[in-house]
C-alpha atoms as a PDB file:
ATOM      1  CA  MET A   1     -12.130  19.254   7.105  1.00  0.00           C
ATOM      2  CA  LYS A   2      -9.380  17.345   5.216  1.00  0.00           C
ATOM      3  CA  ASP A   3      -7.928  14.503   7.009  1.00  0.00           C
ATOM      4  CA  VAL A   4      -4.147  13.877   7.182  1.00  0.00           C
ATOM      5  CA  VAL A   5      -2.461  10.662   6.232  1.00  0.00           C
ATOM      6  CA  PHE A   6       1.035   9.566   5.865  1.00  0.00           C
ATOM      7  CA  ARG A   7       2.360   7.960   2.713  1.00  0.00           C
ATOM      8  CA  ASN A   8       5.400   6.213   1.718  1.00  0.00           C
ATOM      9  CA  TYR A   9       6.643   5.771  -1.740  1.00  0.00           C
ATOM     10  CA  ASP A  10      10.154   4.537  -1.099  1.00  0.00           C
ATOM     11  CA  ARG A  11      10.892   1.727  -3.633  1.00  0.00           C
ATOM     12  CA  PHE A  12      13.301  -0.128  -1.558  1.00  0.00           C
ATOM     13  CA  ALA A  13      10.974  -0.193   1.485  1.00  0.00           C
ATOM     14  CA  LEU A  14       7.960  -1.250  -0.659  1.00  0.00           C
ATOM     15  CA  ASN A  15      10.222  -4.080  -2.331  1.00  0.00           C
ATOM     16  CA  HIS A  16      11.244  -5.216   1.240  1.00  0.00           C
ATOM     17  CA  LEU A  17       7.515  -5.192   2.287  1.00  0.00           C
ATOM     18  CA  LEU A  18       6.242  -7.014  -0.809  1.00  0.00           C
ATOM     19  CA  LYS A  19       9.032  -9.822  -0.313  1.00  0.00           C
ATOM     20  CA  GLU A  20       7.744 -10.064   3.234  1.00  0.00           C
ATOM     21  CA  ILE A  21       4.024 -10.466   2.286  1.00  0.00           C
ATOM     22  CA  GLY A  22       4.957 -12.905  -0.575  1.00  0.00           C
ATOM     23  CA  GLU A  23       3.519 -13.276  -3.917  1.00  0.00           C
ATOM     24  CA  HIS A  24       0.801 -15.790  -2.674  1.00  0.00           C
ATOM     25  CA  ARG A  25      -0.498 -13.543   0.120  1.00  0.00           C
ATOM     26  CA  LEU A  26      -0.668 -10.741  -2.268  1.00  0.00           C
ATOM     27  CA  ARG A  27      -2.369 -12.647  -5.121  1.00  0.00           C
ATOM     28  CA  THR A  28      -4.932 -14.000  -2.703  1.00  0.00           C
ATOM     29  CA  GLU A  29      -5.767 -10.552  -1.337  1.00  0.00           C
ATOM     30  CA  CYS A  30      -6.231  -9.223  -4.756  1.00  0.00           C
ATOM     31  CA  GLU A  31      -8.505 -12.073  -5.772  1.00  0.00           C
ATOM     32  CA  ASN A  32     -10.657 -11.614  -2.722  1.00  0.00           C
ATOM     33  CA  LYS A  33     -11.248  -7.928  -3.865  1.00  0.00           C
ATOM     34  CA  HIS A  34     -11.654  -8.929  -7.344  1.00  0.00           C
ATOM     35  CA  LEU A  35      -8.658  -6.865  -8.492  1.00  0.00           C
ATOM     36  CA  SER A  36      -5.852  -7.683 -11.119  1.00  0.00           C
ATOM     37  CA  PHE A  37      -2.577  -8.651  -9.766  1.00  0.00           C
ATOM     38  CA  PRO A  38      -0.413  -5.519  -9.658  1.00  0.00           C
ATOM     39  CA  LYS A  39       2.638  -5.521 -11.834  1.00  0.00           C
ATOM     40  CA  ARG A  40       4.499  -2.158 -11.370  1.00  0.00           C
ATOM     41  CA  LEU A  41       6.313  -1.211  -8.274  1.00  0.00           C
ATOM     42  CA  ALA A  42       6.149   2.484  -8.810  1.00  0.00           C
ATOM     43  CA  LEU A  43       2.423   2.274  -8.555  1.00  0.00           C
ATOM     44  CA  PHE A  44       2.454   1.011  -5.008  1.00  0.00           C
ATOM     45  CA  TYR A  45       2.484   2.930  -1.765  1.00  0.00           C
ATOM     46  CA  ILE A  46       1.918   2.541   1.914  1.00  0.00           C
ATOM     47  CA  GLU A  47      -0.688   4.657   3.628  1.00  0.00           C
ATOM     48  CA  ALA A  48      -0.950   5.196   7.360  1.00  0.00           C
ATOM     49  CA  ARG A  49      -4.135   6.441   8.921  1.00  0.00           C
ATOM     50  CA  ASP A  50      -5.362   6.650  12.639  1.00  0.00           C
ATOM     51  CA  SER A  51      -6.812   3.172  12.511  1.00  0.00           C
ATOM     52  CA  ASN A  52      -4.363   1.237  10.394  1.00  0.00           C
ATOM     53  CA  THR A  53      -1.788   1.065   7.770  1.00  0.00           C
ATOM     54  CA  VAL A  54      -2.655  -0.062   4.159  1.00  0.00           C
ATOM     55  CA  LEU A  55      -0.646  -1.282   1.203  1.00  0.00           C
ATOM     56  CA  ALA A  56      -2.414   0.641  -1.723  1.00  0.00           C
ATOM     57  CA  TYR A  57      -1.929   0.262  -5.463  1.00  0.00           C
ATOM     58  CA  LYS A  58      -2.894   2.878  -8.189  1.00  0.00           C
ATOM     59  CA  TYR A  59      -4.586   0.887 -10.959  1.00  0.00           C
ATOM     60  CA  PRO A  60      -4.604   2.834 -14.190  1.00  0.00           C
ATOM     61  CA  ASN A  61      -8.103   2.260 -15.134  1.00  0.00           C
ATOM     62  CA  LYS A  62      -9.795   1.667 -11.754  1.00  0.00           C
ATOM     63  CA  GLY A  63      -8.187   4.340  -9.309  1.00  0.00           C
ATOM     64  CA  VAL A  64      -6.533   3.657  -6.147  1.00  0.00           C
ATOM     65  CA  TRP A  65      -7.246   0.657  -4.141  1.00  0.00           C
ATOM     66  CA  GLY A  66      -6.331  -0.653  -0.672  1.00  0.00           C
ATOM     67  CA  ILE A  67      -5.124  -4.078  -0.999  1.00  0.00           C
ATOM     68  CA  MET A  68      -4.512  -5.135   2.441  1.00  0.00           C
ATOM     69  CA  VAL A  69      -3.776  -4.143   6.113  1.00  0.00           C
ATOM     70  CA  VAL A  70      -0.069  -4.332   6.748  1.00  0.00           C
ATOM     71  CA  ASP A  71       0.133  -3.343  10.377  1.00  0.00           C
ATOM     72  CA  HIS A  72       1.821  -6.410  11.605  1.00  0.00           C
ATOM     73  CA  TYR A  73       4.563  -6.342   8.954  1.00  0.00           C
ATOM     74  CA  ASP A  74       7.926  -4.608   9.113  1.00  0.00           C
ATOM     75  CA  LEU A  75       7.280  -1.206   8.189  1.00  0.00           C
ATOM     76  CA  PRO A  76       9.698   1.447   7.123  1.00  0.00           C
ATOM     77  CA  ASP A  77      10.908   4.152   9.709  1.00  0.00           C
ATOM     78  CA  SER A  78      11.726   6.793   7.255  1.00  0.00           C
ATOM     79  CA  GLY A  79      10.463   8.258   3.762  1.00  0.00           C
ATOM     80  CA  TRP A  80       7.011   9.215   5.137  1.00  0.00           C
ATOM     81  CA  VAL A  81       5.239  12.035   3.641  1.00  0.00           C
ATOM     82  CA  ARG A  82       2.282  13.953   5.144  1.00  0.00           C
ATOM     83  CA  VAL A  83      -0.717  14.327   2.581  1.00  0.00           C
ATOM     84  CA  HIS A  84      -4.063  15.988   3.054  1.00  0.00           C
ATOM     85  CA  VAL A  85      -6.920  14.031   1.692  1.00  0.00           C
ATOM     86  CA  GLY A  86     -10.672  14.494   1.697  1.00  0.00           C
END
């Protein structure tokens, strides 16, 4: 059975979220997971599952990684797309 998640690719919402998180916090989360610092806004997305909401990044050579949980940040109301994963 496939799981259903909701993803948001809206660049305006992502830019707002990244500003709220801050470069230092994002850099710290990436270092803790041994990931390089993301550079392209177009490769970010927000993914909401049953248990939490994650800021994810699609690394060109490593695949998709969840960088950090963003449940307590200001999340967008619109722009969510339902996706079947599994």
